[in-house]
PDB file of N, CA and C in Angstrom:
ATOM      1  N   UNK A   1       1.803  19.485  13.525  1.00  0.00           N
ATOM      2  CA  UNK A   1       2.406  19.680  12.235  1.00  0.00           C
ATOM      3  C   UNK A   1       3.771  20.334  12.381  1.00  0.00           C
ATOM      4  N   UNK A   2       3.880  21.304  13.270  1.00  0.00           N
ATOM      5  CA  UNK A   2       5.162  21.977  13.450  1.00  0.00           C
ATOM      6  C   UNK A   2       6.229  21.048  13.993  1.00  0.00           C
ATOM      7  N   UNK A   3       5.831  20.055  14.776  1.00  0.00           N
ATOM      8  CA  UNK A   3       6.826  19.144  15.338  1.00  0.00           C
ATOM      9  C   UNK A   3       7.407  18.234  14.271  1.00  0.00           C
ATOM     10  N   UNK A   4       6.720  18.063  13.156  1.00  0.00           N
ATOM     11  CA  UNK A   4       7.209  17.200  12.092  1.00  0.00           C
ATOM     12  C   UNK A   4       7.953  17.987  11.011  1.00  0.00           C
ATOM     13  N   UNK A   5       7.941  19.311  11.092  1.00  0.00           N
ATOM     14  CA  UNK A   5       8.596  20.137  10.091  1.00  0.00           C
ATOM     15  C   UNK A   5      10.105  20.146  10.328  1.00  0.00           C
ATOM     16  N   UNK A   6      10.850  20.247   9.236  1.00  0.00           N
ATOM     17  CA  UNK A   6      12.306  20.310   9.332  1.00  0.00           C
ATOM     18  C   UNK A   6      12.772  21.523   8.550  1.00  0.00           C
ATOM     19  N   UNK A   7      13.664  22.272   9.134  1.00  0.00           N
ATOM     20  CA  UNK A   7      14.191  23.457   8.490  1.00  0.00           C
ATOM     21  C   UNK A   7      15.537  23.206   7.832  1.00  0.00           C
ATOM     22  N   UNK A   8      16.176  22.060   8.094  1.00  0.00           N
ATOM     23  CA  UNK A   8      17.510  21.800   7.583  1.00  0.00           C
ATOM     24  C   UNK A   8      17.518  21.188   6.186  1.00  0.00           C
ATOM     25  N   UNK A   9      16.370  21.086   5.548  1.00  0.00           N
ATOM     26  CA  UNK A   9      16.301  20.527   4.198  1.00  0.00           C
ATOM     27  C   UNK A   9      16.413  21.673   3.194  1.00  0.00           C
ATOM     28  N   UNK A  10      17.591  21.839   2.650  1.00  0.00           N
ATOM     29  CA  UNK A  10      17.817  22.898   1.685  1.00  0.00           C
ATOM     30  C   UNK A  10      18.458  22.303   0.447  1.00  0.00           C
ATOM     31  N   UNK A  11      18.305  22.984  -0.640  1.00  0.00           N
ATOM     32  CA  UNK A  11      18.913  22.518  -1.877  1.00  0.00           C
ATOM     33  C   UNK A  11      17.867  22.326  -2.949  1.00  0.00           C
ATOM     34  N   UNK A  12      18.355  22.141  -4.165  1.00  0.00           N
ATOM     35  CA  UNK A  12      17.477  22.006  -5.325  1.00  0.00           C
ATOM     36  C   UNK A  12      16.582  20.770  -5.245  1.00  0.00           C
ATOM     37  N   UNK A  13      17.097  19.653  -4.689  1.00  0.00           N
ATOM     38  CA  UNK A  13      16.304  18.422  -4.646  1.00  0.00           C
ATOM     39  C   UNK A  13      15.149  18.501  -3.642  1.00  0.00           C
ATOM     40  N   UNK A  14      15.164  19.515  -2.754  1.00  0.00           N
ATOM     41  CA  UNK A  14      14.095  19.644  -1.760  1.00  0.00           C
ATOM     42  C   UNK A  14      13.138  20.786  -2.098  1.00  0.00           C
ATOM     43  N   UNK A  15      13.213  21.328  -3.304  1.00  0.00           N
ATOM     44  CA  UNK A  15      12.350  22.428  -3.708  1.00  0.00           C
ATOM     45  C   UNK A  15      10.962  21.892  -4.019  1.00  0.00           C
ATOM     46  N   UNK A  16       9.933  22.581  -3.560  1.00  0.00           N
ATOM     47  CA  UNK A  16       8.549  22.165  -3.792  1.00  0.00           C
ATOM     48  C   UNK A  16       8.061  22.771  -5.100  1.00  0.00           C
ATOM     49  N   UNK A  17       8.297  22.078  -6.197  1.00  0.00           N
ATOM     50  CA  UNK A  17       7.928  22.608  -7.502  1.00  0.00           C
ATOM     51  C   UNK A  17       6.417  22.583  -7.732  1.00  0.00           C
ATOM     52  N   UNK A  18       5.728  21.647  -7.094  1.00  0.00           N
ATOM     53  CA  UNK A  18       4.272  21.565  -7.264  1.00  0.00           C
ATOM     54  C   UNK A  18       3.605  22.814  -6.699  1.00  0.00           C
ATOM     55  N   UNK A  19       3.997  23.195  -5.482  1.00  0.00           N
ATOM     56  CA  UNK A  19       3.392  24.368  -4.848  1.00  0.00           C
ATOM     57  C   UNK A  19       3.725  25.628  -5.633  1.00  0.00           C
ATOM     58  N   UNK A  20       4.950  25.719  -6.154  1.00  0.00           N
ATOM     59  CA  UNK A  20       5.333  26.878  -6.955  1.00  0.00           C
ATOM     60  C   UNK A  20       4.492  26.962  -8.226  1.00  0.00           C
ATOM     61  N   UNK A  21       4.295  25.837  -8.908  1.00  0.00           N
ATOM     62  CA  UNK A  21       3.500  25.819 -10.139  1.00  0.00           C
ATOM     63  C   UNK A  21       2.045  26.149  -9.836  1.00  0.00           C
ATOM     64  N   UNK A  22       1.534  25.634  -8.728  1.00  0.00           N
ATOM     65  CA  UNK A  22       0.152  25.923  -8.344  1.00  0.00           C
ATOM     66  C   UNK A  22      -0.021  27.412  -8.034  1.00  0.00           C
ATOM     67  N   UNK A  23       0.961  28.027  -7.404  1.00  0.00           N
ATOM     68  CA  UNK A  23       0.902  29.463  -7.113  1.00  0.00           C
ATOM     69  C   UNK A  23       0.868  30.267  -8.411  1.00  0.00           C
ATOM     70  N   UNK A  24       1.630  29.834  -9.434  1.00  0.00           N
ATOM     71  CA  UNK A  24       1.614  30.527 -10.724  1.00  0.00           C
ATOM     72  C   UNK A  24       0.250  30.385 -11.403  1.00  0.00           C
ATOM     73  N   UNK A  25      -0.381  29.230 -11.292  1.00  0.00           N
ATOM     74  CA  UNK A  25      -1.706  29.022 -11.890  1.00  0.00           C
ATOM     75  C   UNK A  25      -2.733  29.896 -11.189  1.00  0.00           C
ATOM     76  N   UNK A  26      -2.671  29.957  -9.871  1.00  0.00           N
ATOM     77  CA  UNK A  26      -3.620  30.778  -9.103  1.00  0.00           C
ATOM     78  C   UNK A  26      -3.450  32.246  -9.464  1.00  0.00           C
ATOM     79  N   UNK A  27      -2.206  32.706  -9.571  1.00  0.00           N
ATOM     80  CA  UNK A  27      -1.933  34.099  -9.930  1.00  0.00           C
ATOM     81  C   UNK A  27      -2.475  34.412 -11.320  1.00  0.00           C
ATOM     82  N   UNK A  28      -2.315  33.487 -12.257  1.00  0.00           N
ATOM     83  CA  UNK A  28      -2.832  33.702 -13.613  1.00  0.00           C
ATOM     84  C   UNK A  28      -4.354  33.780 -13.608  1.00  0.00           C
ATOM     85  N   UNK A  29      -4.996  32.937 -12.810  1.00  0.00           N
ATOM     86  CA  UNK A  29      -6.465  32.958 -12.723  1.00  0.00           C
ATOM     87  C   UNK A  29      -6.950  34.274 -12.128  1.00  0.00           C
ATOM     88  N   UNK A  30      -6.223  34.805 -11.144  1.00  0.00           N
ATOM     89  CA  UNK A  30      -6.610  36.094 -10.547  1.00  0.00           C
ATOM     90  C   UNK A  30      -6.540  37.215 -11.566  1.00  0.00           C
ATOM     91  N   UNK A  31      -5.574  37.115 -12.469  1.00  0.00           N
ATOM     92  CA  UNK A  31      -5.399  38.157 -13.481  1.00  0.00           C
ATOM     93  C   UNK A  31      -6.222  37.863 -14.733  1.00  0.00           C
ATOM     94  N   UNK A  32      -7.086  36.837 -14.683  1.00  0.00           N
ATOM     95  CA  UNK A  32      -7.974  36.466 -15.787  1.00  0.00           C
ATOM     96  C   UNK A  32      -7.201  36.168 -17.072  1.00  0.00           C
ATOM     97  N   UNK A  33      -6.141  35.400 -16.953  1.00  0.00           N
ATOM     98  CA  UNK A  33      -5.370  34.996 -18.120  1.00  0.00           C
ATOM     99  C   UNK A  33      -5.024  33.519 -17.976  1.00  0.00           C
ATOM    100  N   UNK A  34      -4.647  32.925 -19.105  1.00  0.00           N
ATOM    101  CA  UNK A  34      -4.240  31.525 -19.093  1.00  0.00           C
ATOM    102  C   UNK A  34      -2.835  31.419 -18.509  1.00  0.00           C
ATOM    103  N   UNK A  35      -2.593  30.372 -17.711  1.00  0.00           N
ATOM    104  CA  UNK A  35      -1.236  30.206 -17.170  1.00  0.00           C
ATOM    105  C   UNK A  35      -0.240  29.862 -18.285  1.00  0.00           C
ATOM    106  N   UNK A  36       0.993  30.276 -18.105  1.00  0.00           N
ATOM    107  CA  UNK A  36       2.035  30.015 -19.098  1.00  0.00           C
ATOM    108  C   UNK A  36       2.327  28.517 -19.141  1.00  0.00           C
ATOM    109  N   UNK A  37       2.680  28.054 -20.342  1.00  0.00           N
ATOM    110  CA  UNK A  37       3.030  26.638 -20.500  1.00  0.00           C
ATOM    111  C   UNK A  37       4.383  26.389 -19.857  1.00  0.00           C
ATOM    112  N   UNK A  38       4.431  25.376 -19.018  1.00  0.00           N
ATOM    113  CA  UNK A  38       5.666  24.989 -18.351  1.00  0.00           C
ATOM    114  C   UNK A  38       6.313  23.863 -19.141  1.00  0.00           C
ATOM    115  N   UNK A  39       7.610  23.937 -19.391  1.00  0.00           N
ATOM    116  CA  UNK A  39       8.269  22.823 -20.079  1.00  0.00           C
ATOM    117  C   UNK A  39       8.346  21.610 -19.153  1.00  0.00           C
ATOM    118  N   UNK A  40       8.188  20.438 -19.746  1.00  0.00           N
ATOM    119  CA  UNK A  40       8.276  19.207 -18.970  1.00  0.00           C
ATOM    120  C   UNK A  40       9.721  18.995 -18.556  1.00  0.00           C
ATOM    121  N   UNK A  41       9.948  18.591 -17.305  1.00  0.00           N
ATOM    122  CA  UNK A  41      11.328  18.333 -16.897  1.00  0.00           C
ATOM    123  C   UNK A  41      11.886  17.126 -17.649  1.00  0.00           C
ATOM    124  N   UNK A  42      13.167  17.190 -17.910  1.00  0.00           N
ATOM    125  CA  UNK A  42      13.817  16.086 -18.621  1.00  0.00           C
ATOM    126  C   UNK A  42      13.811  14.859 -17.721  1.00  0.00           C
ATOM    127  N   UNK A  43      13.221  13.800 -18.209  1.00  0.00           N
ATOM    128  CA  UNK A  43      13.130  12.578 -17.412  1.00  0.00           C
ATOM    129  C   UNK A  43      14.429  11.797 -17.549  1.00  0.00           C
ATOM    130  N   UNK A  44      14.995  11.452 -16.415  1.00  0.00           N
ATOM    131  CA  UNK A  44      16.196  10.625 -16.424  1.00  0.00           C
ATOM    132  C   UNK A  44      15.764   9.168 -16.476  1.00  0.00           C
ATOM    133  N   UNK A  45      16.486   8.354 -17.223  1.00  0.00           N
ATOM    134  CA  UNK A  45      16.098   6.945 -17.279  1.00  0.00           C
ATOM    135  C   UNK A  45      16.204   6.307 -15.894  1.00  0.00           C
ATOM    136  N   UNK A  46      15.186   5.557 -15.550  1.00  0.00           N
ATOM    137  CA  UNK A  46      15.143   4.916 -14.233  1.00  0.00           C
ATOM    138  C   UNK A  46      16.055   3.699 -14.218  1.00  0.00           C
ATOM    139  N   UNK A  47      16.640   3.467 -13.069  1.00  0.00           N
ATOM    140  CA  UNK A  47      17.498   2.300 -12.902  1.00  0.00           C
ATOM    141  C   UNK A  47      16.591   1.101 -12.608  1.00  0.00           C
ATOM    142  N   UNK A  48      16.693   0.087 -13.440  1.00  0.00           N
ATOM    143  CA  UNK A  48      15.866  -1.100 -13.286  1.00  0.00           C
ATOM    144  C   UNK A  48      16.660  -2.156 -12.527  1.00  0.00           C
ATOM    145  N   UNK A  49      16.065  -2.654 -11.453  1.00  0.00           N
ATOM    146  CA  UNK A  49      16.724  -3.669 -10.639  1.00  0.00           C
ATOM    147  C   UNK A  49      16.155  -5.042 -10.932  1.00  0.00           C
ATOM    148  N   UNK A  50      17.025  -6.015 -11.000  1.00  0.00           N
ATOM    149  CA  UNK A  50      16.590  -7.397 -11.105  1.00  0.00           C
ATOM    150  C   UNK A  50      16.438  -7.901  -9.670  1.00  0.00           C
ATOM    151  N   UNK A  51      15.209  -7.927  -9.184  1.00  0.00           N
ATOM    152  CA  UNK A  51      14.967  -8.263  -7.784  1.00  0.00           C
ATOM    153  C   UNK A  51      15.407  -9.678  -7.433  1.00  0.00           C
ATOM    154  N   UNK A  52      15.217 -10.609  -8.347  1.00  0.00           N
ATOM    155  CA  UNK A  52      15.599 -11.992  -8.073  1.00  0.00           C
ATOM    156  C   UNK A  52      17.110 -12.113  -7.935  1.00  0.00           C
ATOM    157  N   UNK A  53      17.849 -11.425  -8.811  1.00  0.00           N
ATOM    158  CA  UNK A  53      19.310 -11.458  -8.730  1.00  0.00           C
ATOM    159  C   UNK A  53      19.781 -10.804  -7.434  1.00  0.00           C
ATOM    160  N   UNK A  54      19.145  -9.699  -7.035  1.00  0.00           N
ATOM    161  CA  UNK A  54      19.511  -9.025  -5.795  1.00  0.00           C
ATOM    162  C   UNK A  54      19.221  -9.922  -4.592  1.00  0.00           C
ATOM    163  N   UNK A  55      18.110 -10.643  -4.615  1.00  0.00           N
ATOM    164  CA  UNK A  55      17.769 -11.550  -3.531  1.00  0.00           C
ATOM    165  C   UNK A  55      18.766 -12.699  -3.451  1.00  0.00           C
ATOM    166  N   UNK A  56      19.087 -13.294  -4.593  1.00  0.00           N
ATOM    167  CA  UNK A  56      20.063 -14.389  -4.604  1.00  0.00           C
ATOM    168  C   UNK A  56      21.422 -13.926  -4.099  1.00  0.00           C
ATOM    169  N   UNK A  57      21.829 -12.720  -4.486  1.00  0.00           N
ATOM    170  CA  UNK A  57      23.107 -12.174  -4.026  1.00  0.00           C
ATOM    171  C   UNK A  57      23.076 -11.949  -2.511  1.00  0.00           C
ATOM    172  N   UNK A  58      21.974 -11.455  -2.008  1.00  0.00           N
ATOM    173  CA  UNK A  58      21.830 -11.215  -0.575  1.00  0.00           C
ATOM    174  C   UNK A  58      21.885 -12.527   0.210  1.00  0.00           C
ATOM    175  N   UNK A  59      21.216 -13.554  -0.300  1.00  0.00           N
ATOM    176  CA  UNK A  59      21.223 -14.862   0.357  1.00  0.00           C
ATOM    177  C   UNK A  59      22.627 -15.449   0.337  1.00  0.00           C
ATOM    178  N   UNK A  60      23.317 -15.303  -0.792  1.00  0.00           N
ATOM    179  CA  UNK A  60      24.684 -15.829  -0.905  1.00  0.00           C
ATOM    180  C   UNK A  60      25.610 -15.131   0.085  1.00  0.00           C
ATOM    181  N   UNK A  61      25.484 -13.802   0.216  1.00  0.00           N
ATOM    182  CA  UNK A  61      26.305 -13.065   1.186  1.00  0.00           C
ATOM    183  C   UNK A  61      26.000 -13.494   2.610  1.00  0.00           C
ATOM    184  N   UNK A  62      24.722 -13.690   2.916  1.00  0.00           N
ATOM    185  CA  UNK A  62      24.340 -14.096   4.268  1.00  0.00           C
ATOM    186  C   UNK A  62      24.906 -15.469   4.587  1.00  0.00           C
ATOM    187  N   UNK A  63      24.845 -16.382   3.631  1.00  0.00           N
ATOM    188  CA  UNK A  63      25.400 -17.726   3.846  1.00  0.00           C
ATOM    189  C   UNK A  63      26.918 -17.657   4.011  1.00  0.00           C
ATOM    190  N   UNK A  64      27.558 -16.822   3.230  1.00  0.00           N
ATOM    191  CA  UNK A  64      29.003 -16.675   3.322  1.00  0.00           C
ATOM    192  C   UNK A  64      29.379 -16.091   4.684  1.00  0.00           C
ATOM    193  N   UNK A  65      28.612 -15.115   5.168  1.00  0.00           N
ATOM    194  CA  UNK A  65      28.879 -14.517   6.480  1.00  0.00           C
ATOM    195  C   UNK A  65      28.716 -15.540   7.598  1.00  0.00           C
ATOM    196  N   UNK A  66      27.786 -16.495   7.411  1.00  0.00           N
ATOM    197  CA  UNK A  66      27.569 -17.529   8.429  1.00  0.00           C
ATOM    198  C   UNK A  66      28.563 -18.672   8.277  1.00  0.00           C
ATOM    199  N   UNK A  67      29.352 -18.674   7.218  1.00  0.00           N
ATOM    200  CA  UNK A  67      30.335 -19.718   7.009  1.00  0.00           C
ATOM    201  C   UNK A  67      29.802 -20.940   6.310  1.00  0.00           C
ATOM    202  N   UNK A  68      28.664 -20.843   5.689  1.00  0.00           N
ATOM    203  CA  UNK A  68      28.095 -21.972   4.958  1.00  0.00           C
ATOM    204  C   UNK A  68      28.752 -22.044   3.590  1.00  0.00           C
ATOM    205  N   UNK A  69      29.029 -23.261   3.123  1.00  0.00           N
ATOM    206  CA  UNK A  69      29.728 -23.427   1.859  1.00  0.00           C
ATOM    207  C   UNK A  69      28.795 -23.335   0.651  1.00  0.00           C
ATOM    208  N   UNK A  70      27.554 -23.775   0.790  1.00  0.00           N
ATOM    209  CA  UNK A  70      26.616 -23.765  -0.329  1.00  0.00           C
ATOM    210  C   UNK A  70      26.148 -22.329  -0.565  1.00  0.00           C
ATOM    211  N   UNK A  71      26.390 -21.822  -1.753  1.00  0.00           N
ATOM    212  CA  UNK A  71      26.015 -20.432  -2.035  1.00  0.00           C
ATOM    213  C   UNK A  71      24.647 -20.314  -2.685  1.00  0.00           C
ATOM    214  N   UNK A  72      24.037 -21.440  -3.041  1.00  0.00           N
ATOM    215  CA  UNK A  72      22.705 -21.391  -3.657  1.00  0.00           C
ATOM    216  C   UNK A  72      21.650 -21.631  -2.593  1.00  0.00           C
ATOM    217  N   UNK A  73      20.572 -20.907  -2.708  1.00  0.00           N
ATOM    218  CA  UNK A  73      19.480 -21.070  -1.757  1.00  0.00           C
ATOM    219  C   UNK A  73      18.738 -22.365  -2.058  1.00  0.00           C
ATOM    220  N   UNK A  74      18.324 -23.053  -1.009  1.00  0.00           N
ATOM    221  CA  UNK A  74      17.520 -24.254  -1.183  1.00  0.00           C
ATOM    222  C   UNK A  74      16.091 -23.833  -1.496  1.00  0.00           C
ATOM    223  N   UNK A  75      15.551 -24.386  -2.532  1.00  0.00           N
ATOM    224  CA  UNK A  75      14.194 -24.052  -2.933  1.00  0.00           C
ATOM    225  C   UNK A  75      13.307 -25.238  -2.610  1.00  0.00           C
ATOM    226  N   UNK A  76      12.300 -24.989  -1.841  1.00  0.00           N
ATOM    227  CA  UNK A  76      11.349 -26.030  -1.464  1.00  0.00           C
ATOM    228  C   UNK A  76      10.003 -25.676  -2.059  1.00  0.00           C
ATOM    229  N   UNK A  77       9.270 -26.686  -2.442  1.00  0.00           N
ATOM    230  CA  UNK A  77       7.942 -26.439  -2.961  1.00  0.00           C
ATOM    231  C   UNK A  77       7.023 -26.106  -1.796  1.00  0.00           C
ATOM    232  N   UNK A  78       6.221 -25.119  -1.991  1.00  0.00           N
ATOM    233  CA  UNK A  78       5.296 -24.702  -0.950  1.00  0.00           C
ATOM    234  C   UNK A  78       4.181 -25.735  -0.817  1.00  0.00           C
ATOM    235  N   UNK A  79       3.806 -26.074   0.414  1.00  0.00           N
ATOM    236  CA  UNK A  79       2.694 -27.013   0.572  1.00  0.00           C
ATOM    237  C   UNK A  79       1.396 -26.363   0.125  1.00  0.00           C
ATOM    238  N   UNK A  80       0.547 -27.168  -0.473  1.00  0.00           N
ATOM    239  CA  UNK A  80      -0.734 -26.648  -0.936  1.00  0.00           C
ATOM    240  C   UNK A  80      -1.667 -26.533   0.263  1.00  0.00           C
ATOM    241  N   UNK A  81      -2.398 -25.442   0.351  1.00  0.00           N
ATOM    242  CA  UNK A  81      -3.312 -25.288   1.478  1.00  0.00           C
ATOM    243  C   UNK A  81      -4.449 -26.294   1.396  1.00  0.00           C
ATOM    244  N   UNK A  82      -4.834 -26.777   2.561  1.00  0.00           N
ATOM    245  CA  UNK A  82      -5.952 -27.716   2.622  1.00  0.00           C
ATOM    246  C   UNK A  82      -7.242 -26.941   2.437  1.00  0.00           C
ATOM    247  N   UNK A  83      -8.162 -27.570   1.720  1.00  0.00           N
ATOM    248  CA  UNK A  83      -9.457 -26.928   1.542  1.00  0.00           C
ATOM    249  C   UNK A  83     -10.225 -27.035   2.850  1.00  0.00           C
ATOM    250  N   UNK A  84     -10.740 -25.925   3.263  1.00  0.00           N
ATOM    251  CA  UNK A  84     -11.535 -25.927   4.485  1.00  0.00           C
ATOM    252  C   UNK A  84     -12.994 -25.795   4.099  1.00  0.00           C
ATOM    253  N   UNK A  85     -13.780 -26.680   4.639  1.00  0.00           N
ATOM    254  CA  UNK A  85     -15.209 -26.598   4.380  1.00  0.00           C
ATOM    255  C   UNK A  85     -15.845 -25.829   5.521  1.00  0.00           C
ATOM    256  N   UNK A  86     -16.873 -25.131   5.194  1.00  0.00           N
ATOM    257  CA  UNK A  86     -17.556 -24.344   6.209  1.00  0.00           C
ATOM    258  C   UNK A  86     -18.262 -25.285   7.180  1.00  0.00           C
ATOM    259  N   UNK A  87     -18.143 -24.956   8.449  1.00  0.00           N
ATOM    260  CA  UNK A  87     -18.821 -25.770   9.453  1.00  0.00           C
ATOM    261  C   UNK A  87     -20.312 -25.515   9.374  1.00  0.00           C
ATOM    262  N   UNK A  88     -21.058 -26.577   9.503  1.00  0.00           N
ATOM    263  CA  UNK A  88     -22.505 -26.422   9.509  1.00  0.00           C
ATOM    264  C   UNK A  88     -22.928 -25.960  10.886  1.00  0.00           C
ATOM    265  N   UNK A  89     -23.740 -24.958  10.891  1.00  0.00           N
ATOM    266  CA  UNK A  89     -24.279 -24.449  12.142  1.00  0.00           C
ATOM    267  C   UNK A  89     -25.488 -25.296  12.525  1.00  0.00           C
ATOM    268  N   UNK A  90     -25.640 -25.594  13.818  1.00  0.00           N
ATOM    269  CA  UNK A  90     -26.819 -26.352  14.220  1.00  0.00           C
ATOM    270  C   UNK A  90     -28.087 -25.542  13.922  1.00  0.00           C
ATOM    271  N   UNK A  91     -29.132 -26.260  13.580  1.00  0.00           N
ATOM    272  CA  UNK A  91     -30.389 -25.598  13.253  1.00  0.00           C
ATOM    273  C   UNK A  91     -30.920 -24.902  14.497  1.00  0.00           C
ATOM    274  N   UNK A  92     -31.437 -23.726  14.283  1.00  0.00           N
ATOM    275  CA  UNK A  92     -31.989 -22.986  15.412  1.00  0.00           C
ATOM    276  C   UNK A  92     -33.403 -23.483  15.679  1.00  0.00           C
ATOM    277  N   UNK A  93     -33.689 -23.581  16.924  1.00  0.00           N
ATOM    278  CA  UNK A  93     -35.050 -23.977  17.281  1.00  0.00           C
ATOM    279  C   UNK A  93     -35.911 -22.732  17.255  1.00  0.00           C
ATOM    280  N   UNK A  94     -37.108 -22.894  16.716  1.00  0.00           N
ATOM    281  CA  UNK A  94     -38.007 -21.748  16.668  1.00  0.00           C
ATOM    282  C   UNK A  94     -38.656 -21.591  18.032  1.00  0.00           C
ATOM    283  N   UNK A  95     -38.901 -20.385  18.357  1.00  0.00           N
ATOM    284  CA  UNK A  95     -39.524 -20.108  19.654  1.00  0.00           C
ATOM    285  C   UNK A  95     -40.957 -20.620  19.632  1.00  0.00           C
ATOM    286  N   UNK A  96     -41.384 -21.139  20.755  1.00  0.00           N
ATOM    287  CA  UNK A  96     -42.733 -21.664  20.869  1.00  0.00           C
ATOM    288  C   UNK A  96     -43.706 -20.495  20.840  1.00  0.00           C
ATOM    289  N   UNK A  97     -44.722 -20.619  19.985  1.00  0.00           N
ATOM    290  CA  UNK A  97     -45.702 -19.550  19.891  1.00  0.00           C
ATOM    291  C   UNK A  97     -46.641 -19.628  21.084  1.00  0.00           C
ATOM    292  N   UNK A  98     -46.854 -18.497  21.638  1.00  0.00           N
ATOM    293  CA  UNK A  98     -47.817 -18.443  22.741  1.00  0.00           C
ATOM    294  C   UNK A  98     -49.049 -17.710  22.240  1.00  0.00           C
ATOM    295  N   UNK A  99     -50.181 -18.224  22.609  1.00  0.00           N
ATOM    296  CA  UNK A  99     -51.426 -17.581  22.199  1.00  0.00           C
ATOM    297  C   UNK A  99     -52.111 -17.055  23.435  1.00  0.00           C
ATOM    298  N   UNK A 100     -52.743 -15.978  23.249  1.00  0.00           N
ATOM    299  CA  UNK A 100     -53.494 -15.410  24.367  1.00  0.00           C
ATOM    300  C   UNK A 100     -54.982 -15.677  24.109  1.00  0.00           C
ATOM    301  N   UNK A 101     -55.644 -15.964  25.160  1.00  0.00           N
ATOM    302  CA  UNK A 101     -57.088 -16.224  25.017  1.00  0.00           C
ATOM    303  C   UNK A 101     -57.825 -14.907  24.908  1.00  0.00           C
ATOM    304  N   UNK A 102     -58.718 -14.906  23.962  1.00  0.00           N
ATOM    305  CA  UNK A 102     -59.542 -13.728  23.804  1.00  0.00           C
ATOM    306  C   UNK A 102     -60.842 -13.986  24.546  1.00  0.00           C
ATOM    307  N   UNK A 103     -61.271 -13.005  25.149  1.00  0.00           N
ATOM    308  CA  UNK A 103     -62.549 -13.197  25.835  1.00  0.00           C
ATOM    309  C   UNK A 103     -63.667 -13.102  24.791  1.00  0.00           C
ATOM    310  N   UNK A 104     -64.626 -13.989  24.974  1.00  0.00           N
ATOM    311  CA  UNK A 104     -65.738 -14.014  24.029  1.00  0.00           C
ATOM    312  C   UNK A 104     -66.754 -12.941  24.422  1.00  0.00           C
ATOM    313  N   UNK A 105     -67.309 -12.333  23.425  1.00  0.00           N
ATOM    314  CA  UNK A 105     -68.353 -11.335  23.742  1.00  0.00           C
ATOM    315  C   UNK A 105     -69.592 -12.039  24.299  1.00  0.00           C
ATOM    316  N   UNK A 106     -70.172 -11.493  25.280  1.00  0.00           N
ATOM    317  CA  UNK A 106     -71.333 -12.120  25.896  1.00  0.00           C
ATOM    318  C   UNK A 106     -72.611 -11.765  25.230  1.00  0.00           C
TER     319      UNK A 106
END
């Protein structure tokens, strides 16, 4: 664990807020009181990426780097997989029953 630890991560973005909040809850429980209400952090709107547009742009750049003139990717229909039927296993032969002779009472 120590070999994976890093000490050079400093700053507000590397603060462990979960552990800090958990420590406050534990401290409140020790003192037999309810933990204080924490305000929810302001959520920043997430950046939404159009993955298809990013892929097309990447393909166009790659083609341009290779010197190809066509900037649109060729789209081919995927072949449909062949249905595979399960192979029939050969029937197992049953072991021959052996009987032992019982001696008759005299």
